């Protein structure tokens, strides 16, 4: 059984491989993805592995992640909870423009499955890079 940290790190590998199906399989069947800073009209909470799949399945067609140049994992006193600071870098698929965005996430991972993934990213920063060219997961225009 993977630890919380190992599960998270495996998830990064799957994102780099653009294997969204395997990435979403890391979620518990009732796992939750939350976006406290979601743009108006975008989902703030996605419940269930199937809904997470619907949200993320086309992600590699929007952003081509090439690397995570900075990853800092803070393990907490609860072995199931991680606080993660990371940067993702790559290209906007529609335009070929480079992007580099910082993220902070709080994850609860139990028995090798993500139960909650609270993503404190800035949709405004990414929307500026996308410049209205594409629709982000969840229907927000970037």
C-alpha atoms as a PDB file:
ATOM      1  CA  UNK A   1       0.000   0.000   0.000  1.00  0.00           C
ATOM      2  CA  UNK A   2       1.372   3.414  -0.958  1.00  0.00           C
ATOM      3  CA  UNK A   3       1.774   6.112   1.651  1.00  0.00           C
ATOM      4  CA  UNK A   4       0.007   9.441   1.137  1.00  0.00           C
ATOM      5  CA  UNK A   5       3.232  10.961  -0.187  1.00  0.00           C
ATOM      6  CA  UNK A   6       3.896   8.039  -2.542  1.00  0.00           C
ATOM      7  CA  UNK A   7       0.337   8.256  -3.866  1.00  0.00           C
ATOM      8  CA  UNK A   8       0.722  11.990  -4.514  1.00  0.00           C
ATOM      9  CA  UNK A   9       4.105  11.508  -6.228  1.00  0.00           C
ATOM     10  CA  UNK A  10       2.651   8.719  -8.372  1.00  0.00           C
ATOM     11  CA  UNK A  11      -0.114  11.123  -9.367  1.00  0.00           C
ATOM     12  CA  UNK A  12       2.478  13.618 -10.620  1.00  0.00           C
ATOM     13  CA  UNK A  13       4.067  10.870 -12.733  1.00  0.00           C
ATOM     14  CA  UNK A  14       0.674  10.047 -14.239  1.00  0.00           C
ATOM     15  CA  UNK A  15       0.028  13.714 -15.040  1.00  0.00           C
ATOM     16  CA  UNK A  16       3.377  13.950 -16.837  1.00  0.00           C
ATOM     17  CA  UNK A  17       2.476  10.786 -18.764  1.00  0.00           C
ATOM     18  CA  UNK A  18      -0.893  12.389 -19.614  1.00  0.00           C
ATOM     19  CA  UNK A  19      -2.615   9.274 -18.286  1.00  0.00           C
ATOM     20  CA  UNK A  20      -5.710  10.941 -16.921  1.00  0.00           C
ATOM     21  CA  UNK A  21      -7.623   7.660 -16.633  1.00  0.00           C
ATOM     22  CA  UNK A  22      -4.993   6.239 -14.269  1.00  0.00           C
ATOM     23  CA  UNK A  23      -4.691   9.581 -12.452  1.00  0.00           C
ATOM     24  CA  UNK A  24      -8.418   9.632 -11.745  1.00  0.00           C
ATOM     25  CA  UNK A  25      -8.271   6.010 -10.533  1.00  0.00           C
ATOM     26  CA  UNK A  26      -6.225   7.351  -7.599  1.00  0.00           C
ATOM     27  CA  UNK A  27      -9.463   8.911  -6.310  1.00  0.00           C
ATOM     28  CA  UNK A  28     -11.646   7.017  -3.874  1.00  0.00           C
ATOM     29  CA  UNK A  29     -15.058   6.228  -5.435  1.00  0.00           C
ATOM     30  CA  UNK A  30     -16.598   9.015  -3.324  1.00  0.00           C
ATOM     31  CA  UNK A  31     -13.501  11.244  -3.478  1.00  0.00           C
ATOM     32  CA  UNK A  32     -13.918  14.998  -3.629  1.00  0.00           C
ATOM     33  CA  UNK A  33     -12.066  17.713  -5.536  1.00  0.00           C
ATOM     34  CA  UNK A  34     -12.562  21.271  -4.277  1.00  0.00           C
ATOM     35  CA  UNK A  35     -11.543  24.666  -5.660  1.00  0.00           C
ATOM     36  CA  UNK A  36     -11.983  27.342  -2.969  1.00  0.00           C
ATOM     37  CA  UNK A  37     -10.850  30.089  -5.379  1.00  0.00           C
ATOM     38  CA  UNK A  38     -12.890  28.939  -8.387  1.00  0.00           C
ATOM     39  CA  UNK A  39     -13.818  31.579 -10.930  1.00  0.00           C
ATOM     40  CA  UNK A  40     -17.471  32.636 -11.071  1.00  0.00           C
ATOM     41  CA  UNK A  41     -19.476  29.989 -12.885  1.00  0.00           C
ATOM     42  CA  UNK A  42     -16.828  27.297 -12.423  1.00  0.00           C
ATOM     43  CA  UNK A  43     -17.414  24.348 -10.105  1.00  0.00           C
ATOM     44  CA  UNK A  44     -16.204  24.728  -6.531  1.00  0.00           C
ATOM     45  CA  UNK A  45     -16.746  21.082  -5.591  1.00  0.00           C
ATOM     46  CA  UNK A  46     -16.698  17.891  -7.625  1.00  0.00           C
ATOM     47  CA  UNK A  47     -17.947  14.763  -5.896  1.00  0.00           C
ATOM     48  CA  UNK A  48     -17.105  11.211  -6.880  1.00  0.00           C
ATOM     49  CA  UNK A  49     -14.467   9.572  -9.050  1.00  0.00           C
ATOM     50  CA  UNK A  50     -16.741   9.576 -12.108  1.00  0.00           C
ATOM     51  CA  UNK A  51     -17.346  13.325 -11.807  1.00  0.00           C
ATOM     52  CA  UNK A  52     -13.600  13.936 -11.337  1.00  0.00           C
ATOM     53  CA  UNK A  53     -13.034  11.954 -14.556  1.00  0.00           C
ATOM     54  CA  UNK A  54     -15.550  14.111 -16.435  1.00  0.00           C
ATOM     55  CA  UNK A  55     -13.800  17.221 -15.121  1.00  0.00           C
ATOM     56  CA  UNK A  56     -10.220  16.134 -15.897  1.00  0.00           C
ATOM     57  CA  UNK A  57     -10.368  13.801 -18.882  1.00  0.00           C
ATOM     58  CA  UNK A  58      -9.606  16.473 -21.504  1.00  0.00           C
ATOM     59  CA  UNK A  59      -6.992  18.315 -19.430  1.00  0.00           C
ATOM     60  CA  UNK A  60      -4.023  17.208 -21.621  1.00  0.00           C
ATOM     61  CA  UNK A  61      -5.805  18.729 -24.628  1.00  0.00           C
ATOM     62  CA  UNK A  62      -5.762  22.102 -22.865  1.00  0.00           C
ATOM     63  CA  UNK A  63      -2.432  22.116 -21.029  1.00  0.00           C
ATOM     64  CA  UNK A  64       0.636  20.072 -21.894  1.00  0.00           C
ATOM     65  CA  UNK A  65       2.423  19.646 -18.567  1.00  0.00           C
ATOM     66  CA  UNK A  66       6.110  18.973 -19.180  1.00  0.00           C
ATOM     67  CA  UNK A  67       7.537  19.252 -15.679  1.00  0.00           C
ATOM     68  CA  UNK A  68       6.990  20.134 -12.068  1.00  0.00           C
ATOM     69  CA  UNK A  69      10.039  22.352 -11.491  1.00  0.00           C
ATOM     70  CA  UNK A  70       9.227  22.894  -7.838  1.00  0.00           C
ATOM     71  CA  UNK A  71       7.483  20.432  -5.527  1.00  0.00           C
ATOM     72  CA  UNK A  72       7.447  20.827  -1.768  1.00  0.00           C
ATOM     73  CA  UNK A  73       5.450  18.253   0.198  1.00  0.00           C
ATOM     74  CA  UNK A  74       4.629  19.080   3.810  1.00  0.00           C
ATOM     75  CA  UNK A  75       3.730  15.976   5.769  1.00  0.00           C
ATOM     76  CA  UNK A  76       1.491  16.701   8.737  1.00  0.00           C
ATOM     77  CA  UNK A  77       0.956  15.060  12.098  1.00  0.00           C
ATOM     78  CA  UNK A  78      -1.877  13.165  10.408  1.00  0.00           C
ATOM     79  CA  UNK A  79      -0.240  10.612   8.061  1.00  0.00           C
ATOM     80  CA  UNK A  80      -3.247  10.858   5.724  1.00  0.00           C
ATOM     81  CA  UNK A  81      -2.967  14.641   5.188  1.00  0.00           C
ATOM     82  CA  UNK A  82      -0.461  16.429   2.949  1.00  0.00           C
ATOM     83  CA  UNK A  83      -0.020  20.110   2.181  1.00  0.00           C
ATOM     84  CA  UNK A  84       1.714  20.529  -1.160  1.00  0.00           C
ATOM     85  CA  UNK A  85       3.259  23.540  -2.891  1.00  0.00           C
ATOM     86  CA  UNK A  86       4.150  22.962  -6.513  1.00  0.00           C
ATOM     87  CA  UNK A  87       4.704  24.597  -9.854  1.00  0.00           C
ATOM     88  CA  UNK A  88       3.597  23.053 -13.120  1.00  0.00           C
ATOM     89  CA  UNK A  89       5.275  24.101 -16.348  1.00  0.00           C
ATOM     90  CA  UNK A  90       4.485  23.313 -19.936  1.00  0.00           C
ATOM     91  CA  UNK A  91       2.565  24.714 -22.859  1.00  0.00           C
ATOM     92  CA  UNK A  92      -0.941  25.861 -23.691  1.00  0.00           C
ATOM     93  CA  UNK A  93      -1.975  23.368 -26.378  1.00  0.00           C
ATOM     94  CA  UNK A  94      -4.133  25.784 -28.407  1.00  0.00           C
ATOM     95  CA  UNK A  95      -1.434  28.443 -28.748  1.00  0.00           C
ATOM     96  CA  UNK A  96       1.863  26.764 -27.907  1.00  0.00           C
ATOM     97  CA  UNK A  97       2.472  29.520 -25.345  1.00  0.00           C
ATOM     98  CA  UNK A  98       4.562  28.478 -22.350  1.00  0.00           C
ATOM     99  CA  UNK A  99       3.008  28.481 -18.915  1.00  0.00           C
ATOM    100  CA  UNK A 100       4.239  28.097 -15.366  1.00  0.00           C
ATOM    101  CA  UNK A 101       1.660  28.201 -12.585  1.00  0.00           C
ATOM    102  CA  UNK A 102       1.965  27.739  -8.836  1.00  0.00           C
ATOM    103  CA  UNK A 103      -0.447  25.592  -6.857  1.00  0.00           C
ATOM    104  CA  UNK A 104      -1.081  24.857  -3.199  1.00  0.00           C
ATOM    105  CA  UNK A 105      -3.160  21.796  -2.385  1.00  0.00           C
ATOM    106  CA  UNK A 106      -4.337  20.048   0.756  1.00  0.00           C
ATOM    107  CA  UNK A 107      -4.943  16.339   0.239  1.00  0.00           C
ATOM    108  CA  UNK A 108      -6.387  13.587   2.373  1.00  0.00           C
ATOM    109  CA  UNK A 109      -5.140  10.226   1.109  1.00  0.00           C
ATOM    110  CA  UNK A 110      -6.230   7.039   2.813  1.00  0.00           C
ATOM    111  CA  UNK A 111      -5.289   3.491   1.800  1.00  0.00           C
ATOM    112  CA  UNK A 112      -3.665   4.755  -1.403  1.00  0.00           C
ATOM    113  CA  UNK A 113      -6.775   6.675  -2.525  1.00  0.00           C
ATOM    114  CA  UNK A 114      -7.432  10.404  -2.653  1.00  0.00           C
ATOM    115  CA  UNK A 115     -10.448  11.213  -0.496  1.00  0.00           C
ATOM    116  CA  UNK A 116     -10.168  15.003  -0.727  1.00  0.00           C
ATOM    117  CA  UNK A 117      -8.067  17.228  -2.969  1.00  0.00           C
ATOM    118  CA  UNK A 118      -8.515  20.887  -2.097  1.00  0.00           C
ATOM    119  CA  UNK A 119      -6.784  22.866  -4.845  1.00  0.00           C
ATOM    120  CA  UNK A 120      -5.889  26.492  -4.075  1.00  0.00           C
ATOM    121  CA  UNK A 121      -4.851  27.496  -7.585  1.00  0.00           C
ATOM    122  CA  UNK A 122      -5.504  30.811  -9.295  1.00  0.00           C
ATOM    123  CA  UNK A 123      -7.917  30.504 -12.220  1.00  0.00           C
ATOM    124  CA  UNK A 124      -7.233  34.174 -12.970  1.00  0.00           C
ATOM    125  CA  UNK A 125      -3.527  33.499 -13.579  1.00  0.00           C
ATOM    126  CA  UNK A 126      -4.266  30.623 -15.934  1.00  0.00           C
ATOM    127  CA  UNK A 127      -7.061  32.480 -17.724  1.00  0.00           C
ATOM    128  CA  UNK A 128      -4.562  35.243 -18.503  1.00  0.00           C
ATOM    129  CA  UNK A 129      -2.279  32.701 -20.149  1.00  0.00           C
ATOM    130  CA  UNK A 130      -5.088  31.105 -22.123  1.00  0.00           C
ATOM    131  CA  UNK A 131      -6.444  34.526 -23.170  1.00  0.00           C
ATOM    132  CA  UNK A 132      -9.949  33.261 -23.897  1.00  0.00           C
ATOM    133  CA  UNK A 133      -8.634  30.680 -26.355  1.00  0.00           C
ATOM    134  CA  UNK A 134     -10.077  27.587 -24.704  1.00  0.00           C
ATOM    135  CA  UNK A 135     -12.603  26.440 -22.166  1.00  0.00           C
ATOM    136  CA  UNK A 136     -11.053  25.188 -18.949  1.00  0.00           C
ATOM    137  CA  UNK A 137     -12.339  22.050 -17.265  1.00  0.00           C
ATOM    138  CA  UNK A 138     -15.637  22.947 -15.686  1.00  0.00           C
ATOM    139  CA  UNK A 139     -16.656  25.354 -18.439  1.00  0.00           C
ATOM    140  CA  UNK A 140     -14.702  28.494 -17.499  1.00  0.00           C
ATOM    141  CA  UNK A 141     -13.339  30.369 -20.505  1.00  0.00           C
ATOM    142  CA  UNK A 142      -9.619  30.997 -20.332  1.00  0.00           C
END
